[in-house]
Amino acid sequence: MKEAIILAHGAYPTHPYPLRILRTAKLLVCTDGAVNKLQDRDPDFIVGDLDSLTPALKEKFGSRLIRDTDRETNDLTKAVLFCYNKGIRKITILGATGLREDHTLGNVSLLGNYAIMMESVKMVTDHGVFTVFARGVPDNEGFIHVTIPCVPEEPVSFFALNPDMKLMAKGVRYPVEQVVFDAWWKATLNQCTGKKLELSFRNGPLLVYLTHPFAGPEARDIQAG
């Protein structure tokens, strides 16, 4: 299995798009707190220190429990590492935002670490999709090129997880070429002008956020190279 859906212990999805991803997941990995909220299906694996599981769930899913007591990583990272060690290189993360804001910020910032390990990393929320890029074949100037489908007037934000990142973008209303990424708000609240974004970056990772409902019922076709 090369792809997994990870359900974290944040706000449980309510938007049709993440709910569809959850419902149709071929491999579902839950953090131990998240499985308490899981509806209409069973997890394939439950990863974490397992202190949030009820005795009934521990008994029910005993053969699916993966105990990891490392105090230096949170349960979401434990789940990602579990997937990586099973040879999975494509993950979509649900339920990683909402509730506590410190957990939300921590989970979003960790996407850069995950992108270095994985070939494809997305975090889908009730409001949009975070996609993070760290891999790709650089050109002679060290830039990695990415093409992302979008919709005219769709809101888009760019985040640098490395303050030295350089970004060039075609298909956005406001130029980003001169942005100095010394704060997270830089290059946010932009807007698509056409049906695709053509991005070039170096010194990544690059985090791109596009809002719903433009994500539609199907996953986006994003290419890097």
N, C-alpha and C. Protein backbone atom coordinates (compact mmCIF):
# COMPACT_ATOMS: atom_id res chain seq x y z
N MET A 1 0.84 -1.20 0.00
CA MET A 1 0.00 0.00 0.00
C MET A 1 0.88 1.25 0.00
N LYS A 2 0.69 2.13 -0.98
CA LYS A 2 1.56 3.29 -1.14
C LYS A 2 0.90 4.58 -0.68
N GLU A 3 -0.38 4.56 -0.31
CA GLU A 3 -1.09 5.77 0.08
C GLU A 3 -1.88 5.53 1.35
N ALA A 4 -1.91 6.53 2.23
CA ALA A 4 -2.67 6.40 3.47
C ALA A 4 -3.36 7.71 3.80
N ILE A 5 -4.50 7.58 4.48
CA ILE A 5 -5.20 8.70 5.06
C ILE A 5 -4.94 8.65 6.56
N ILE A 6 -4.54 9.79 7.13
CA ILE A 6 -4.29 9.88 8.57
C ILE A 6 -5.34 10.79 9.19
N LEU A 7 -6.04 10.29 10.20
CA LEU A 7 -7.01 11.09 10.94
C LEU A 7 -6.40 11.48 12.28
N ALA A 8 -6.23 12.80 12.49
CA ALA A 8 -5.65 13.31 13.72
C ALA A 8 -6.75 13.72 14.70
N HIS A 9 -6.31 14.11 15.91
CA HIS A 9 -7.23 14.35 17.01
C HIS A 9 -7.58 15.83 17.15
N GLY A 10 -7.87 16.48 16.01
CA GLY A 10 -8.37 17.84 16.03
C GLY A 10 -9.88 17.84 15.82
N ALA A 11 -10.37 18.88 15.17
CA ALA A 11 -11.81 18.95 14.87
C ALA A 11 -12.16 17.89 13.82
N TYR A 12 -13.20 17.11 14.10
CA TYR A 12 -13.60 16.05 13.17
C TYR A 12 -14.18 16.70 11.90
N PRO A 13 -13.84 16.18 10.72
CA PRO A 13 -14.31 16.80 9.47
C PRO A 13 -15.83 16.86 9.38
N THR A 14 -16.32 17.95 8.77
CA THR A 14 -17.75 18.10 8.49
C THR A 14 -18.01 18.45 7.03
N HIS A 15 -17.01 19.00 6.33
CA HIS A 15 -17.19 19.36 4.92
C HIS A 15 -17.25 18.09 4.08
N PRO A 16 -18.08 18.08 3.02
CA PRO A 16 -18.22 16.88 2.18
C PRO A 16 -16.91 16.36 1.59
N TYR A 17 -15.97 17.28 1.26
CA TYR A 17 -14.73 16.84 0.62
C TYR A 17 -13.86 16.00 1.56
N PRO A 18 -13.50 16.47 2.76
CA PRO A 18 -12.72 15.59 3.64
C PRO A 18 -13.50 14.38 4.11
N LEU A 19 -14.81 14.50 4.25
CA LEU A 19 -15.61 13.33 4.64
C LEU A 19 -15.58 12.26 3.57
N ARG A 20 -15.57 12.68 2.31
CA ARG A 20 -15.48 11.70 1.22
C ARG A 20 -14.13 11.01 1.24
N ILE A 21 -13.07 11.77 1.48
CA ILE A 21 -11.73 11.18 1.58
C ILE A 21 -11.69 10.15 2.70
N LEU A 22 -12.28 10.49 3.83
CA LEU A 22 -12.30 9.59 4.98
C LEU A 22 -13.10 8.33 4.68
N ARG A 23 -14.23 8.50 4.06
CA ARG A 23 -15.12 7.37 3.78
C ARG A 23 -14.52 6.40 2.78
N THR A 24 -13.77 6.90 1.81
CA THR A 24 -13.27 6.05 0.73
C THR A 24 -11.81 5.63 0.94
N ALA A 25 -11.22 5.95 2.08
CA ALA A 25 -9.81 5.62 2.33
C ALA A 25 -9.59 4.12 2.26
N LYS A 26 -8.59 3.71 1.50
CA LYS A 26 -8.23 2.29 1.44
C LYS A 26 -7.38 1.88 2.64
N LEU A 27 -6.63 2.83 3.18
CA LEU A 27 -5.84 2.57 4.38
C LEU A 27 -6.00 3.78 5.30
N LEU A 28 -6.62 3.57 6.45
CA LEU A 28 -6.88 4.66 7.40
C LEU A 28 -6.08 4.43 8.67
N VAL A 29 -5.21 5.39 8.97
CA VAL A 29 -4.41 5.37 10.18
C VAL A 29 -4.91 6.48 11.10
N CYS A 30 -5.30 6.12 12.32
CA CYS A 30 -5.81 7.10 13.28
C CYS A 30 -4.81 7.31 14.40
N THR A 31 -4.68 8.54 14.87
CA THR A 31 -4.00 8.73 16.14
C THR A 31 -4.94 8.23 17.23
N ASP A 32 -4.39 7.89 18.40
CA ASP A 32 -5.22 7.20 19.38
C ASP A 32 -6.39 8.04 19.87
N GLY A 33 -6.23 9.37 19.95
CA GLY A 33 -7.36 10.20 20.35
C GLY A 33 -8.42 10.31 19.28
N ALA A 34 -8.00 10.32 18.00
CA ALA A 34 -8.93 10.52 16.89
C ALA A 34 -9.90 9.36 16.73
N VAL A 35 -9.49 8.16 17.09
CA VAL A 35 -10.34 7.01 16.84
C VAL A 35 -11.60 7.06 17.69
N ASN A 36 -11.57 7.81 18.79
CA ASN A 36 -12.76 7.94 19.62
C ASN A 36 -13.89 8.67 18.89
N LYS A 37 -13.55 9.49 17.89
CA LYS A 37 -14.55 10.25 17.15
C LYS A 37 -14.94 9.60 15.83
N LEU A 38 -14.20 8.58 15.42
CA LEU A 38 -14.38 8.00 14.08
C LEU A 38 -15.80 7.47 13.89
N GLN A 39 -16.38 7.80 12.73
CA GLN A 39 -17.76 7.43 12.43
C GLN A 39 -17.82 6.60 11.15
N ASP A 40 -18.73 5.62 11.17
CA ASP A 40 -19.15 4.88 9.98
C ASP A 40 -18.08 3.97 9.37
N ARG A 41 -16.95 3.78 10.03
CA ARG A 41 -15.96 2.83 9.56
C ARG A 41 -14.97 2.57 10.68
N ASP A 42 -14.14 1.53 10.48
CA ASP A 42 -13.13 1.18 11.47
C ASP A 42 -11.75 1.62 10.97
N PRO A 43 -10.82 1.89 11.88
CA PRO A 43 -9.45 2.20 11.47
C PRO A 43 -8.71 0.94 11.08
N ASP A 44 -7.71 1.11 10.22
CA ASP A 44 -6.83 -0.02 9.90
C ASP A 44 -5.70 -0.12 10.93
N PHE A 45 -5.25 1.03 11.43
CA PHE A 45 -4.24 1.07 12.48
C PHE A 45 -4.52 2.26 13.39
N ILE A 46 -4.14 2.12 14.65
CA ILE A 46 -4.22 3.20 15.63
C ILE A 46 -2.83 3.40 16.21
N VAL A 47 -2.30 4.63 16.09
CA VAL A 47 -0.92 4.89 16.46
C VAL A 47 -0.86 5.97 17.54
N GLY A 48 0.00 5.76 18.53
CA GLY A 48 0.21 6.77 19.56
C GLY A 48 0.62 6.12 20.86
N ASP A 49 0.57 6.91 21.94
CA ASP A 49 0.89 6.31 23.24
C ASP A 49 -0.28 5.53 23.81
N LEU A 50 -1.44 5.65 23.15
CA LEU A 50 -2.65 4.86 23.44
C LEU A 50 -3.29 5.20 24.78
N ASP A 51 -2.90 6.32 25.39
CA ASP A 51 -3.49 6.68 26.67
C ASP A 51 -4.86 7.33 26.53
N SER A 52 -5.26 7.67 25.28
CA SER A 52 -6.56 8.30 25.07
C SER A 52 -7.65 7.29 24.70
N LEU A 53 -7.29 6.02 24.53
CA LEU A 53 -8.26 5.01 24.13
C LEU A 53 -9.05 4.50 25.32
N THR A 54 -10.33 4.28 25.11
CA THR A 54 -11.14 3.65 26.14
C THR A 54 -10.80 2.16 26.22
N PRO A 55 -11.03 1.53 27.36
CA PRO A 55 -10.78 0.09 27.46
C PRO A 55 -11.54 -0.71 26.41
N ALA A 56 -12.77 -0.28 26.09
CA ALA A 56 -13.56 -1.00 25.09
C ALA A 56 -12.90 -0.96 23.72
N LEU A 57 -12.37 0.21 23.33
CA LEU A 57 -11.71 0.32 22.04
C LEU A 57 -10.39 -0.44 22.02
N LYS A 58 -9.67 -0.46 23.12
CA LYS A 58 -8.44 -1.23 23.19
C LYS A 58 -8.72 -2.71 22.98
N GLU A 59 -9.81 -3.18 23.53
CA GLU A 59 -10.16 -4.59 23.35
C GLU A 59 -10.63 -4.86 21.93
N LYS A 60 -11.45 -3.95 21.39
CA LYS A 60 -12.00 -4.14 20.05
C LYS A 60 -10.93 -4.14 18.98
N PHE A 61 -9.95 -3.23 19.11
CA PHE A 61 -8.94 -3.05 18.06
C PHE A 61 -7.56 -3.50 18.52
N GLY A 62 -7.50 -4.45 19.40
CA GLY A 62 -6.23 -4.89 19.98
C GLY A 62 -5.18 -5.24 18.95
N SER A 63 -5.55 -5.87 17.85
CA SER A 63 -4.58 -6.29 16.83
C SER A 63 -4.15 -5.14 15.93
N ARG A 64 -4.78 -3.98 16.08
CA ARG A 64 -4.47 -2.84 15.20
C ARG A 64 -3.74 -1.72 15.94
N LEU A 65 -3.38 -1.93 17.18
CA LEU A 65 -2.76 -0.90 17.99
C LEU A 65 -1.25 -0.87 17.77
N ILE A 66 -0.71 0.33 17.55
CA ILE A 66 0.73 0.54 17.39
C ILE A 66 1.15 1.51 18.49
N ARG A 67 1.79 1.01 19.52
CA ARG A 67 2.14 1.84 20.66
C ARG A 67 3.50 2.51 20.43
N ASP A 68 3.52 3.83 20.60
CA ASP A 68 4.75 4.62 20.43
C ASP A 68 4.76 5.65 21.55
N THR A 69 5.68 5.51 22.48
CA THR A 69 5.71 6.37 23.66
C THR A 69 6.76 7.47 23.57
N ASP A 70 7.31 7.71 22.40
CA ASP A 70 8.33 8.75 22.23
C ASP A 70 7.76 10.11 22.64
N ARG A 71 8.37 10.75 23.63
CA ARG A 71 7.89 12.03 24.13
C ARG A 71 8.37 13.22 23.28
N GLU A 72 9.23 12.97 22.32
CA GLU A 72 9.76 14.04 21.48
C GLU A 72 8.93 14.29 20.23
N THR A 73 7.92 13.45 19.98
CA THR A 73 7.06 13.62 18.81
C THR A 73 5.60 13.57 19.23
N ASN A 74 4.75 14.30 18.50
CA ASN A 74 3.32 14.23 18.79
C ASN A 74 2.71 13.02 18.07
N ASP A 75 1.43 12.76 18.34
CA ASP A 75 0.80 11.57 17.77
C ASP A 75 0.69 11.63 16.26
N LEU A 76 0.51 12.84 15.70
CA LEU A 76 0.45 12.94 14.24
C LEU A 76 1.77 12.52 13.62
N THR A 77 2.88 12.98 14.17
CA THR A 77 4.19 12.59 13.65
C THR A 77 4.42 11.09 13.83
N LYS A 78 3.97 10.54 14.94
CA LYS A 78 4.08 9.09 15.13
C LYS A 78 3.34 8.35 14.02
N ALA A 79 2.16 8.84 13.65
CA ALA A 79 1.39 8.20 12.58
C ALA A 79 2.09 8.32 11.23
N VAL A 80 2.67 9.50 10.96
CA VAL A 80 3.41 9.69 9.70
C VAL A 80 4.62 8.77 9.64
N LEU A 81 5.36 8.68 10.73
CA LEU A 81 6.54 7.80 10.77
C LEU A 81 6.15 6.34 10.60
N PHE A 82 5.02 5.96 11.18
CA PHE A 82 4.53 4.59 11.00
C PHE A 82 4.27 4.32 9.52
N CYS A 83 3.61 5.27 8.83
CA CYS A 83 3.35 5.11 7.40
C CYS A 83 4.65 5.02 6.62
N TYR A 84 5.58 5.90 6.94
CA TYR A 84 6.87 5.89 6.24
C TYR A 84 7.57 4.55 6.39
N ASN A 85 7.57 4.01 7.59
CA ASN A 85 8.25 2.74 7.83
C ASN A 85 7.56 1.56 7.16
N LYS A 86 6.30 1.74 6.77
CA LYS A 86 5.59 0.70 6.02
C LYS A 86 5.75 0.88 4.51
N GLY A 87 6.57 1.85 4.10
CA GLY A 87 6.82 2.06 2.68
C GLY A 87 5.82 2.98 2.01
N ILE A 88 4.97 3.64 2.77
CA ILE A 88 3.98 4.56 2.21
C ILE A 88 4.65 5.90 1.96
N ARG A 89 4.39 6.47 0.78
CA ARG A 89 5.03 7.74 0.42
C ARG A 89 4.01 8.80 0.00
N LYS A 90 2.73 8.53 0.18
CA LYS A 90 1.70 9.51 -0.14
C LYS A 90 0.70 9.53 1.01
N ILE A 91 0.54 10.71 1.64
CA ILE A 91 -0.39 10.80 2.77
C ILE A 91 -1.29 12.02 2.62
N THR A 92 -2.52 11.86 3.09
CA THR A 92 -3.46 12.97 3.24
C THR A 92 -3.88 12.99 4.70
N ILE A 93 -3.76 14.15 5.32
CA ILE A 93 -4.02 14.30 6.74
C ILE A 93 -5.35 15.01 6.95
N LEU A 94 -6.20 14.44 7.77
CA LEU A 94 -7.49 15.03 8.13
C LEU A 94 -7.52 15.28 9.63
N GLY A 95 -8.38 16.18 10.07
CA GLY A 95 -8.59 16.38 11.50
C GLY A 95 -7.40 16.94 12.24
N ALA A 96 -6.53 17.68 11.56
CA ALA A 96 -5.30 18.17 12.20
C ALA A 96 -5.40 19.63 12.62
N THR A 97 -6.55 20.27 12.38
CA THR A 97 -6.73 21.68 12.75
C THR A 97 -7.98 21.80 13.61
N GLY A 98 -8.26 23.03 14.04
CA GLY A 98 -9.41 23.26 14.91
C GLY A 98 -9.08 22.95 16.36
N LEU A 99 -10.03 23.17 17.23
CA LEU A 99 -9.85 22.96 18.67
C LEU A 99 -8.71 23.85 19.17
N ARG A 100 -7.60 23.29 19.64
CA ARG A 100 -6.52 24.11 20.19
C ARG A 100 -5.64 24.71 19.10
N GLU A 101 -5.49 26.05 19.14
CA GLU A 101 -4.73 26.75 18.10
C GLU A 101 -3.25 26.38 18.13
N ASP A 102 -2.69 26.08 19.31
CA ASP A 102 -1.28 25.71 19.35
C ASP A 102 -1.04 24.39 18.64
N HIS A 103 -1.99 23.45 18.78
CA HIS A 103 -1.87 22.19 18.04
C HIS A 103 -1.98 22.43 16.54
N THR A 104 -2.90 23.32 16.14
CA THR A 104 -3.06 23.62 14.71
C THR A 104 -1.78 24.17 14.12
N LEU A 105 -1.19 25.18 14.76
CA LEU A 105 0.05 25.78 14.25
C LEU A 105 1.18 24.76 14.22
N GLY A 106 1.28 23.96 15.27
CA GLY A 106 2.32 22.94 15.30
C GLY A 106 2.17 21.94 14.18
N ASN A 107 0.94 21.47 13.94
CA ASN A 107 0.71 20.48 12.89
C ASN A 107 0.99 21.05 11.51
N VAL A 108 0.59 22.30 11.25
CA VAL A 108 0.86 22.92 9.95
C VAL A 108 2.36 23.06 9.74
N SER A 109 3.09 23.49 10.77
CA SER A 109 4.54 23.67 10.61
C SER A 109 5.26 22.36 10.37
N LEU A 110 4.70 21.26 10.87
CA LEU A 110 5.32 19.95 10.68
C LEU A 110 5.21 19.43 9.25
N LEU A 111 4.35 20.04 8.44
CA LEU A 111 4.18 19.57 7.07
C LEU A 111 5.48 19.61 6.28
N GLY A 112 6.33 20.58 6.59
CA GLY A 112 7.63 20.63 5.90
C GLY A 112 8.49 19.42 6.19
N ASN A 113 8.50 18.96 7.44
CA ASN A 113 9.23 17.74 7.80
C ASN A 113 8.68 16.54 7.06
N TYR A 114 7.36 16.46 6.99
CA TYR A 114 6.73 15.31 6.34
C TYR A 114 7.02 15.31 4.83
N ALA A 115 7.06 16.50 4.22
CA ALA A 115 7.29 16.58 2.77
C ALA A 115 8.68 16.12 2.39
N ILE A 116 9.65 16.27 3.28
CA ILE A 116 11.00 15.78 3.00
C ILE A 116 11.01 14.26 2.97
N MET A 117 10.15 13.62 3.78
CA MET A 117 10.08 12.17 3.85
C MET A 117 9.23 11.57 2.74
N MET A 118 8.14 12.25 2.39
CA MET A 118 7.12 11.70 1.51
C MET A 118 7.19 12.29 0.11
N GLU A 119 6.58 11.60 -0.83
CA GLU A 119 6.48 12.12 -2.19
C GLU A 119 5.31 13.07 -2.34
N SER A 120 4.25 12.88 -1.53
CA SER A 120 3.07 13.73 -1.61
C SER A 120 2.48 13.89 -0.22
N VAL A 121 2.25 15.15 0.18
CA VAL A 121 1.67 15.44 1.49
C VAL A 121 0.60 16.51 1.33
N LYS A 122 -0.60 16.20 1.84
CA LYS A 122 -1.69 17.18 1.87
C LYS A 122 -2.32 17.18 3.25
N MET A 123 -2.82 18.34 3.64
CA MET A 123 -3.63 18.45 4.85
C MET A 123 -4.96 19.08 4.42
N VAL A 124 -6.03 18.33 4.57
CA VAL A 124 -7.35 18.78 4.14
C VAL A 124 -8.16 19.16 5.37
N THR A 125 -8.72 20.37 5.36
CA THR A 125 -9.54 20.85 6.47
C THR A 125 -10.97 21.07 5.97
N ASP A 126 -11.81 21.59 6.83
CA ASP A 126 -13.18 21.91 6.42
C ASP A 126 -13.25 23.17 5.57
N HIS A 127 -12.13 23.86 5.40
CA HIS A 127 -12.14 25.13 4.67
C HIS A 127 -11.22 25.14 3.46
N GLY A 128 -10.28 24.21 3.37
CA GLY A 128 -9.37 24.22 2.25
C GLY A 128 -8.35 23.10 2.32
N VAL A 129 -7.34 23.22 1.45
CA VAL A 129 -6.30 22.19 1.33
C VAL A 129 -4.92 22.83 1.41
N PHE A 130 -4.10 22.34 2.35
CA PHE A 130 -2.68 22.66 2.38
C PHE A 130 -1.94 21.59 1.59
N THR A 131 -1.11 22.01 0.65
CA THR A 131 -0.21 21.09 -0.05
C THR A 131 1.20 21.61 0.11
N VAL A 132 2.11 20.73 0.46
CA VAL A 132 3.48 21.16 0.74
C VAL A 132 4.44 20.49 -0.24
N PHE A 133 5.43 21.26 -0.69
CA PHE A 133 6.40 20.78 -1.67
C PHE A 133 7.81 20.95 -1.13
N ALA A 134 8.57 19.88 -1.22
CA ALA A 134 9.99 19.93 -0.86
C ALA A 134 10.83 19.17 -1.87
N ARG A 135 10.18 18.31 -2.65
CA ARG A 135 10.88 17.47 -3.61
C ARG A 135 10.71 18.00 -5.03
N GLY A 136 11.55 17.54 -5.91
CA GLY A 136 11.47 17.92 -7.31
C GLY A 136 12.85 18.06 -7.90
N VAL A 137 12.92 18.10 -9.21
CA VAL A 137 14.21 18.25 -9.91
C VAL A 137 14.45 19.74 -10.14
N PRO A 138 15.47 20.32 -9.51
CA PRO A 138 15.71 21.76 -9.69
C PRO A 138 16.29 22.07 -11.06
N ASP A 139 16.03 23.29 -11.53
CA ASP A 139 16.62 23.73 -12.79
C ASP A 139 18.04 24.24 -12.51
N ASN A 140 18.65 24.86 -13.52
CA ASN A 140 20.04 25.29 -13.38
C ASN A 140 20.24 26.35 -12.31
N GLU A 141 19.17 27.05 -11.95
CA GLU A 141 19.26 28.09 -10.92
C GLU A 141 18.76 27.58 -9.57
N GLY A 142 18.47 26.29 -9.50
CA GLY A 142 18.06 25.72 -8.22
C GLY A 142 16.59 25.81 -7.92
N PHE A 143 15.77 26.20 -8.90
CA PHE A 143 14.33 26.33 -8.67
C PHE A 143 13.60 25.03 -9.02
N ILE A 144 12.65 24.67 -8.18
CA ILE A 144 11.74 23.55 -8.45
C ILE A 144 10.44 24.14 -8.97
N HIS A 145 9.88 23.52 -10.01
CA HIS A 145 8.69 24.05 -10.68
C HIS A 145 7.47 23.18 -10.37
N VAL A 146 6.36 23.84 -10.06
CA VAL A 146 5.13 23.17 -9.67
C VAL A 146 3.96 23.79 -10.42
N THR A 147 3.05 22.96 -10.92
CA THR A 147 1.82 23.43 -11.55
C THR A 147 0.62 22.93 -10.77
N ILE A 148 -0.29 23.84 -10.44
CA ILE A 148 -1.45 23.49 -9.62
C ILE A 148 -2.72 23.99 -10.31
N PRO A 149 -3.69 23.13 -10.60
CA PRO A 149 -4.98 23.59 -11.13
C PRO A 149 -5.70 24.46 -10.11
N CYS A 150 -6.41 25.46 -10.59
CA CYS A 150 -7.18 26.31 -9.70
C CYS A 150 -8.35 26.90 -10.48
N VAL A 151 -9.05 27.83 -9.85
CA VAL A 151 -10.22 28.47 -10.45
C VAL A 151 -10.02 29.98 -10.38
N PRO A 152 -10.36 30.72 -11.45
CA PRO A 152 -10.21 32.17 -11.38
C PRO A 152 -10.92 32.76 -10.15
N GLU A 153 -10.23 33.67 -9.49
CA GLU A 153 -10.68 34.36 -8.27
C GLU A 153 -10.64 33.48 -7.02
N GLU A 154 -10.12 32.27 -7.13
CA GLU A 154 -9.97 31.41 -5.95
C GLU A 154 -8.91 31.97 -5.02
N PRO A 155 -9.19 32.08 -3.72
CA PRO A 155 -8.17 32.54 -2.77
C PRO A 155 -7.02 31.53 -2.67
N VAL A 156 -5.81 32.06 -2.56
CA VAL A 156 -4.63 31.22 -2.41
C VAL A 156 -3.63 31.94 -1.51
N SER A 157 -2.95 31.19 -0.68
CA SER A 157 -1.89 31.73 0.17
C SER A 157 -0.65 30.85 0.05
N PHE A 158 0.50 31.50 0.17
CA PHE A 158 1.78 30.80 0.13
C PHE A 158 2.51 31.02 1.46
N PHE A 159 3.11 29.95 1.99
CA PHE A 159 3.85 30.03 3.23
C PHE A 159 5.24 29.43 3.02
N ALA A 160 6.23 30.10 3.58
CA ALA A 160 7.59 29.57 3.54
C ALA A 160 7.91 28.93 4.88
N LEU A 161 8.36 27.70 4.84
CA LEU A 161 8.82 27.02 6.05
C LEU A 161 10.33 27.17 6.23
N ASN A 162 10.94 27.91 5.31
CA ASN A 162 12.35 28.29 5.39
C ASN A 162 12.39 29.78 5.05
N PRO A 163 12.86 30.65 5.94
CA PRO A 163 12.83 32.09 5.66
C PRO A 163 13.68 32.51 4.47
N ASP A 164 14.55 31.64 3.98
CA ASP A 164 15.37 31.95 2.82
C ASP A 164 14.71 31.55 1.50
N MET A 165 13.48 31.09 1.56
CA MET A 165 12.82 30.65 0.33
C MET A 165 12.62 31.80 -0.64
N LYS A 166 12.79 31.51 -1.92
CA LYS A 166 12.51 32.44 -3.00
C LYS A 166 11.36 31.85 -3.83
N LEU A 167 10.40 32.68 -4.20
CA LEU A 167 9.20 32.20 -4.90
C LEU A 167 8.90 33.09 -6.09
N MET A 168 8.59 32.44 -7.21
CA MET A 168 8.06 33.13 -8.39
C MET A 168 6.73 32.46 -8.73
N ALA A 169 5.74 33.27 -9.13
CA ALA A 169 4.41 32.72 -9.36
C ALA A 169 3.76 33.37 -10.58
N LYS A 170 3.19 32.54 -11.44
CA LYS A 170 2.34 33.00 -12.54
C LYS A 170 0.91 32.54 -12.25
N GLY A 171 -0.05 33.41 -12.54
CA GLY A 171 -1.45 33.06 -12.32
C GLY A 171 -2.00 33.59 -11.01
N VAL A 172 -1.31 34.59 -10.42
CA VAL A 172 -1.81 35.21 -9.18
C VAL A 172 -1.99 36.71 -9.41
N ARG A 173 -2.90 37.30 -8.64
CA ARG A 173 -3.23 38.72 -8.81
C ARG A 173 -2.10 39.63 -8.32
N TYR A 174 -1.48 39.24 -7.19
CA TYR A 174 -0.47 40.11 -6.58
C TYR A 174 0.91 39.46 -6.71
N PRO A 175 1.91 40.18 -7.19
CA PRO A 175 3.25 39.60 -7.38
C PRO A 175 3.85 39.13 -6.05
N VAL A 176 4.63 38.08 -6.14
CA VAL A 176 5.28 37.54 -4.94
C VAL A 176 6.80 37.46 -5.08
N GLU A 177 7.32 37.87 -6.24
CA GLU A 177 8.74 37.67 -6.51
C GLU A 177 9.65 38.42 -5.54
N GLN A 178 9.21 39.53 -4.99
CA GLN A 178 10.05 40.33 -4.11
C GLN A 178 9.76 40.09 -2.63
N VAL A 179 8.91 39.11 -2.34
CA VAL A 179 8.54 38.86 -0.95
C VAL A 179 9.73 38.32 -0.17
N VAL A 180 9.97 38.88 1.00
CA VAL A 180 10.96 38.36 1.94
C VAL A 180 10.19 37.59 3.01
N PHE A 181 10.45 36.31 3.12
CA PHE A 181 9.63 35.45 3.98
C PHE A 181 10.15 35.45 5.43
N ASP A 182 10.07 36.62 6.05
CA ASP A 182 10.51 36.74 7.44
C ASP A 182 9.34 36.70 8.42
N ALA A 183 8.14 36.43 7.92
CA ALA A 183 6.97 36.24 8.78
C ALA A 183 5.97 35.37 8.03
N TRP A 184 5.16 34.62 8.78
CA TRP A 184 4.25 33.67 8.13
C TRP A 184 3.18 34.35 7.28
N TRP A 185 2.84 35.60 7.57
CA TRP A 185 1.76 36.23 6.83
C TRP A 185 2.18 36.67 5.43
N LYS A 186 3.49 36.72 5.17
CA LYS A 186 3.96 37.18 3.87
C LYS A 186 3.44 36.25 2.76
N ALA A 187 2.96 36.85 1.66
CA ALA A 187 2.45 36.12 0.48
C ALA A 187 1.15 35.36 0.75
N THR A 188 0.43 35.77 1.78
CA THR A 188 -0.89 35.20 2.02
C THR A 188 -1.97 36.08 1.40
N LEU A 189 -3.20 35.55 1.35
CA LEU A 189 -4.38 36.30 0.90
C LEU A 189 -4.22 36.82 -0.52
N ASN A 190 -3.71 35.97 -1.40
CA ASN A 190 -3.61 36.27 -2.82
C ASN A 190 -4.83 35.71 -3.53
N GLN A 191 -4.82 35.75 -4.84
CA GLN A 191 -5.98 35.29 -5.61
C GLN A 191 -5.53 34.76 -6.97
N CYS A 192 -6.13 33.64 -7.37
CA CYS A 192 -5.82 33.07 -8.69
C CYS A 192 -6.47 33.90 -9.78
N THR A 193 -5.79 34.01 -10.91
CA THR A 193 -6.35 34.76 -12.03
C THR A 193 -6.73 33.88 -13.21
N GLY A 194 -6.34 32.63 -13.19
CA GLY A 194 -6.65 31.71 -14.28
C GLY A 194 -6.96 30.33 -13.77
N LYS A 195 -6.74 29.34 -14.62
CA LYS A 195 -7.09 27.96 -14.29
C LYS A 195 -5.90 27.15 -13.77
N LYS A 196 -4.75 27.80 -13.63
CA LYS A 196 -3.61 27.08 -13.06
C LYS A 196 -2.63 28.07 -12.45
N LEU A 197 -1.90 27.58 -11.46
CA LEU A 197 -0.79 28.30 -10.87
C LEU A 197 0.50 27.67 -11.36
N GLU A 198 1.44 28.49 -11.81
CA GLU A 198 2.76 28.02 -12.19
C GLU A 198 3.75 28.61 -11.20
N LEU A 199 4.29 27.77 -10.33
CA LEU A 199 5.14 28.22 -9.24
C LEU A 199 6.56 27.70 -9.41
N SER A 200 7.50 28.53 -9.05
CA SER A 200 8.91 28.14 -9.03
C SER A 200 9.48 28.59 -7.69
N PHE A 201 10.14 27.68 -6.98
CA PHE A 201 10.68 28.05 -5.67
C PHE A 201 12.02 27.36 -5.44
N ARG A 202 12.79 27.95 -4.57
CA ARG A 202 14.01 27.30 -4.09
C ARG A 202 14.15 27.60 -2.59
N ASN A 203 14.95 26.81 -1.94
CA ASN A 203 15.09 26.90 -0.48
C ASN A 203 13.75 26.64 0.21
N GLY A 204 13.05 25.60 -0.27
CA GLY A 204 11.77 25.24 0.33
C GLY A 204 11.95 24.64 1.71
N PRO A 205 10.89 24.03 2.24
CA PRO A 205 9.65 23.68 1.59
C PRO A 205 8.70 24.87 1.35
N LEU A 206 7.83 24.69 0.37
CA LEU A 206 6.78 25.64 0.03
C LEU A 206 5.43 25.05 0.41
N LEU A 207 4.63 25.84 1.12
CA LEU A 207 3.30 25.42 1.54
C LEU A 207 2.27 26.27 0.80
N VAL A 208 1.34 25.62 0.10
CA VAL A 208 0.31 26.31 -0.67
C VAL A 208 -1.06 25.96 -0.08
N TYR A 209 -1.87 26.99 0.14
CA TYR A 209 -3.22 26.79 0.68
C TYR A 209 -4.24 27.31 -0.32
N LEU A 210 -5.18 26.44 -0.72
CA LEU A 210 -6.29 26.79 -1.59
C LEU A 210 -7.60 26.45 -0.87
N THR A 211 -8.59 27.32 -1.03
CA THR A 211 -9.81 27.16 -0.25
C THR A 211 -10.82 26.24 -0.91
N HIS A 212 -11.77 25.72 -0.11
CA HIS A 212 -13.00 25.13 -0.61
C HIS A 212 -13.93 26.28 -1.00
N PRO A 213 -14.97 26.06 -1.82
CA PRO A 213 -15.39 24.78 -2.38
C PRO A 213 -14.69 24.42 -3.67
N PHE A 214 -13.67 25.19 -4.04
CA PHE A 214 -13.05 24.99 -5.35
C PHE A 214 -12.28 23.69 -5.44
N ALA A 215 -11.97 23.07 -4.29
CA ALA A 215 -11.29 21.77 -4.35
C ALA A 215 -12.17 20.73 -5.01
N GLY A 216 -13.50 20.91 -4.93
CA GLY A 216 -14.42 20.03 -5.62
C GLY A 216 -14.45 18.62 -5.05
N PRO A 217 -15.18 17.72 -5.70
CA PRO A 217 -15.32 16.36 -5.19
C PRO A 217 -14.10 15.49 -5.43
N GLU A 218 -13.22 15.89 -6.32
CA GLU A 218 -12.06 15.09 -6.66
C GLU A 218 -10.78 15.74 -6.14
N ALA A 219 -9.77 14.95 -5.90
CA ALA A 219 -8.47 15.49 -5.46
C ALA A 219 -7.83 16.29 -6.58
N ARG A 220 -7.05 17.29 -6.20
CA ARG A 220 -6.39 18.12 -7.21
C ARG A 220 -5.26 17.35 -7.89
N ASP A 221 -5.05 17.68 -9.14
CA ASP A 221 -3.95 17.09 -9.90
C ASP A 221 -2.78 18.07 -9.86
N ILE A 222 -1.82 17.81 -8.98
CA ILE A 222 -0.70 18.71 -8.77
C ILE A 222 0.58 18.02 -9.25
N GLN A 223 1.34 18.75 -10.04
CA GLN A 223 2.54 18.17 -10.63
C GLN A 223 3.75 18.98 -10.22
N ALA A 224 4.82 18.30 -9.89
CA ALA A 224 6.09 18.96 -9.58
C ALA A 224 7.18 18.33 -10.39
N GLY A 225 8.14 19.11 -10.81
CA GLY A 225 9.24 18.54 -11.57
C GLY A 225 10.19 19.62 -12.01
